[in-house]
């Protein structure tokens, strides 16, 4: 058996996962419902970081509302 038992085990450790630095918490302006999402990795590192505002579906109100970035 080429590679032996470790060949399969090594691939288990190499999995792309979400970085905690890029996760942002979005909170509904109407109900307080929270959604976690990730920010894209940008090349502009000196630019001014603005708070994210997205229109998404709120399951507690069952309609689309604005979600704003909140503290983690």
N, C-alpha and C. Protein backbone atom coordinates (compact mmCIF):
# COMPACT_ATOMS: atom_id res chain seq x y z
N UNK A 1 0.84 -1.17 0.00
CA UNK A 1 0.00 0.00 0.00
C UNK A 1 0.89 1.24 0.00
N UNK A 2 0.90 2.03 -1.08
CA UNK A 2 1.76 3.21 -1.14
C UNK A 2 1.28 4.31 -0.21
N UNK A 3 2.20 4.88 0.51
CA UNK A 3 1.87 5.97 1.41
C UNK A 3 1.46 5.51 2.80
N UNK A 4 0.97 4.32 2.91
CA UNK A 4 0.59 3.76 4.21
C UNK A 4 -0.63 4.45 4.80
N UNK A 5 -0.75 4.34 6.09
CA UNK A 5 -1.90 4.86 6.80
C UNK A 5 -1.87 6.38 6.93
N UNK A 6 -0.67 6.96 6.95
CA UNK A 6 -0.57 8.41 7.15
C UNK A 6 -0.98 9.22 5.92
N UNK A 7 -1.01 8.63 4.77
CA UNK A 7 -1.36 9.37 3.56
C UNK A 7 -2.78 9.92 3.64
N UNK A 8 -3.70 9.12 4.15
CA UNK A 8 -5.08 9.58 4.29
C UNK A 8 -5.25 10.53 5.47
N UNK A 9 -4.49 10.32 6.53
CA UNK A 9 -4.62 11.14 7.73
C UNK A 9 -4.09 12.55 7.51
N UNK A 10 -3.10 12.71 6.67
CA UNK A 10 -2.53 14.03 6.43
C UNK A 10 -3.54 14.92 5.72
N UNK A 11 -4.32 14.35 4.82
CA UNK A 11 -5.29 15.16 4.10
C UNK A 11 -6.42 15.64 5.01
N UNK A 12 -6.66 14.95 6.13
CA UNK A 12 -7.69 15.39 7.05
C UNK A 12 -7.31 16.70 7.73
N UNK A 13 -6.03 16.90 7.95
CA UNK A 13 -5.59 18.11 8.64
C UNK A 13 -5.55 19.31 7.72
N UNK A 14 -5.46 19.09 6.43
CA UNK A 14 -5.40 20.23 5.50
C UNK A 14 -6.79 20.50 4.96
N UNK A 15 -7.56 21.26 5.69
CA UNK A 15 -8.88 21.65 5.25
C UNK A 15 -9.00 23.16 5.37
N UNK A 16 -9.43 23.82 4.31
CA UNK A 16 -9.61 25.26 4.41
C UNK A 16 -10.77 25.57 5.35
N UNK A 17 -10.55 26.45 6.30
CA UNK A 17 -11.61 26.81 7.23
C UNK A 17 -11.71 28.33 7.32
N UNK A 18 -12.80 28.80 7.88
CA UNK A 18 -13.00 30.24 8.01
C UNK A 18 -12.08 30.80 9.08
N UNK A 19 -11.42 31.89 8.75
CA UNK A 19 -10.56 32.55 9.70
C UNK A 19 -11.42 33.36 10.67
N UNK A 20 -11.10 33.31 11.95
CA UNK A 20 -11.85 34.06 12.94
C UNK A 20 -11.68 35.56 12.76
N UNK A 21 -10.59 35.99 12.13
CA UNK A 21 -10.35 37.41 11.91
C UNK A 21 -11.31 37.99 10.90
N UNK A 22 -11.73 37.19 9.94
CA UNK A 22 -12.59 37.69 8.88
C UNK A 22 -14.07 37.48 9.15
N UNK A 23 -14.43 36.80 10.24
CA UNK A 23 -15.84 36.62 10.57
C UNK A 23 -16.41 37.92 11.13
N UNK A 24 -17.60 38.26 10.66
CA UNK A 24 -18.27 39.45 11.19
C UNK A 24 -19.66 39.06 11.67
N UNK A 25 -20.12 39.77 12.67
CA UNK A 25 -21.43 39.52 13.26
C UNK A 25 -22.39 40.58 12.73
N UNK A 26 -23.46 40.14 12.09
CA UNK A 26 -24.47 41.05 11.56
C UNK A 26 -25.71 40.94 12.44
N UNK A 27 -26.20 42.10 12.92
CA UNK A 27 -27.35 42.13 13.80
C UNK A 27 -28.49 42.89 13.14
N UNK A 28 -29.69 42.34 13.23
CA UNK A 28 -30.87 42.95 12.62
C UNK A 28 -31.20 44.27 13.31
N UNK A 29 -31.60 45.27 12.53
CA UNK A 29 -31.96 46.56 13.10
C UNK A 29 -33.36 46.53 13.71
N UNK A 30 -34.18 45.56 13.32
CA UNK A 30 -35.57 45.50 13.80
C UNK A 30 -35.76 44.52 14.95
N UNK A 31 -35.18 43.32 14.85
CA UNK A 31 -35.50 42.29 15.85
C UNK A 31 -34.33 41.88 16.73
N UNK A 32 -33.10 42.12 16.32
CA UNK A 32 -31.95 41.69 17.10
C UNK A 32 -31.43 40.32 16.70
N UNK A 33 -31.99 39.73 15.64
CA UNK A 33 -31.52 38.43 15.14
C UNK A 33 -30.08 38.57 14.66
N UNK A 34 -29.24 37.56 14.91
CA UNK A 34 -27.81 37.63 14.59
C UNK A 34 -27.46 36.62 13.50
N UNK A 35 -26.66 37.07 12.53
CA UNK A 35 -26.13 36.23 11.46
C UNK A 35 -24.61 36.41 11.45
N UNK A 36 -23.88 35.30 11.33
CA UNK A 36 -22.42 35.36 11.19
C UNK A 36 -22.06 35.14 9.73
N UNK A 37 -21.17 35.97 9.20
CA UNK A 37 -20.72 35.83 7.82
C UNK A 37 -19.24 36.19 7.76
N UNK A 38 -18.62 35.97 6.61
CA UNK A 38 -17.19 36.28 6.50
C UNK A 38 -16.97 37.40 5.50
N UNK A 39 -15.95 38.19 5.78
CA UNK A 39 -15.54 39.27 4.89
C UNK A 39 -14.57 38.74 3.87
N UNK A 40 -14.64 39.27 2.67
CA UNK A 40 -13.68 38.86 1.65
C UNK A 40 -12.31 39.45 1.98
N UNK A 41 -11.30 38.71 1.59
CA UNK A 41 -9.93 39.16 1.81
C UNK A 41 -9.60 40.20 0.74
N UNK A 42 -9.34 41.41 1.16
CA UNK A 42 -9.05 42.48 0.22
C UNK A 42 -7.58 42.82 0.18
N UNK A 43 -7.18 43.49 -0.86
CA UNK A 43 -5.78 43.88 -0.98
C UNK A 43 -5.53 45.27 -0.39
N UNK A 44 -6.59 46.04 -0.19
CA UNK A 44 -6.44 47.38 0.35
C UNK A 44 -6.40 47.30 1.88
N UNK A 45 -5.21 47.29 2.44
CA UNK A 45 -5.07 47.14 3.88
C UNK A 45 -5.01 48.49 4.60
N UNK A 46 -4.76 49.58 3.88
CA UNK A 46 -4.69 50.89 4.50
C UNK A 46 -6.03 51.62 4.47
N UNK A 47 -6.94 51.14 3.67
CA UNK A 47 -8.23 51.81 3.48
C UNK A 47 -9.06 51.88 4.74
N UNK A 48 -9.98 52.80 4.75
CA UNK A 48 -10.86 52.97 5.89
C UNK A 48 -11.88 51.83 5.90
N UNK A 49 -11.97 51.18 7.03
CA UNK A 49 -12.92 50.07 7.18
C UNK A 49 -14.27 50.65 7.60
N UNK A 50 -15.28 50.45 6.78
CA UNK A 50 -16.62 50.90 7.13
C UNK A 50 -17.40 49.72 7.68
N UNK A 51 -18.39 50.03 8.48
CA UNK A 51 -19.26 48.97 9.01
C UNK A 51 -20.14 48.46 7.88
N UNK A 52 -20.33 47.16 7.83
CA UNK A 52 -21.10 46.52 6.78
C UNK A 52 -22.59 46.65 7.07
N UNK A 53 -23.37 46.98 6.04
CA UNK A 53 -24.83 47.00 6.12
C UNK A 53 -25.37 46.20 4.95
N UNK A 54 -26.15 45.16 5.25
CA UNK A 54 -26.72 44.31 4.22
C UNK A 54 -28.21 44.15 4.45
N UNK A 55 -28.95 44.01 3.36
CA UNK A 55 -30.36 43.69 3.45
C UNK A 55 -30.50 42.18 3.31
N UNK A 56 -30.99 41.54 4.37
CA UNK A 56 -31.12 40.08 4.38
C UNK A 56 -32.47 39.70 4.97
N UNK A 57 -32.82 38.42 4.83
CA UNK A 57 -34.07 37.91 5.35
C UNK A 57 -33.96 37.64 6.84
N UNK A 58 -34.89 38.16 7.61
CA UNK A 58 -34.93 37.93 9.05
C UNK A 58 -36.01 36.89 9.34
N UNK A 59 -35.62 35.68 9.79
CA UNK A 59 -36.62 34.63 10.01
C UNK A 59 -37.59 34.91 11.16
N UNK A 60 -37.20 35.74 12.12
CA UNK A 60 -38.11 36.03 13.23
C UNK A 60 -39.25 36.95 12.78
N UNK A 61 -38.95 37.90 11.90
CA UNK A 61 -39.97 38.81 11.37
C UNK A 61 -40.58 38.31 10.06
N UNK A 62 -39.89 37.36 9.43
CA UNK A 62 -40.30 36.79 8.14
C UNK A 62 -40.39 37.84 7.04
N UNK A 63 -39.39 38.75 7.00
CA UNK A 63 -39.28 39.72 5.91
C UNK A 63 -37.84 40.21 5.83
N UNK A 64 -37.54 40.96 4.77
CA UNK A 64 -36.19 41.47 4.58
C UNK A 64 -36.01 42.75 5.38
N UNK A 65 -34.90 42.80 6.13
CA UNK A 65 -34.55 43.98 6.93
C UNK A 65 -33.06 44.25 6.76
N UNK A 66 -32.63 45.38 7.25
CA UNK A 66 -31.21 45.75 7.17
C UNK A 66 -30.47 45.16 8.37
N UNK A 67 -29.36 44.50 8.09
CA UNK A 67 -28.48 43.96 9.12
C UNK A 67 -27.23 44.84 9.15
N UNK A 68 -26.83 45.26 10.36
CA UNK A 68 -25.63 46.08 10.51
C UNK A 68 -24.57 45.28 11.27
N UNK A 69 -23.31 45.60 10.95
CA UNK A 69 -22.20 44.94 11.63
C UNK A 69 -22.19 45.33 13.11
N UNK A 70 -22.01 44.33 13.98
CA UNK A 70 -21.98 44.56 15.42
C UNK A 70 -20.67 44.05 16.00
N UNK A 71 -20.44 44.33 17.26
CA UNK A 71 -19.25 43.82 17.93
C UNK A 71 -19.34 42.32 18.08
N UNK A 72 -18.18 41.66 18.11
CA UNK A 72 -18.14 40.21 18.25
C UNK A 72 -18.43 39.77 19.65
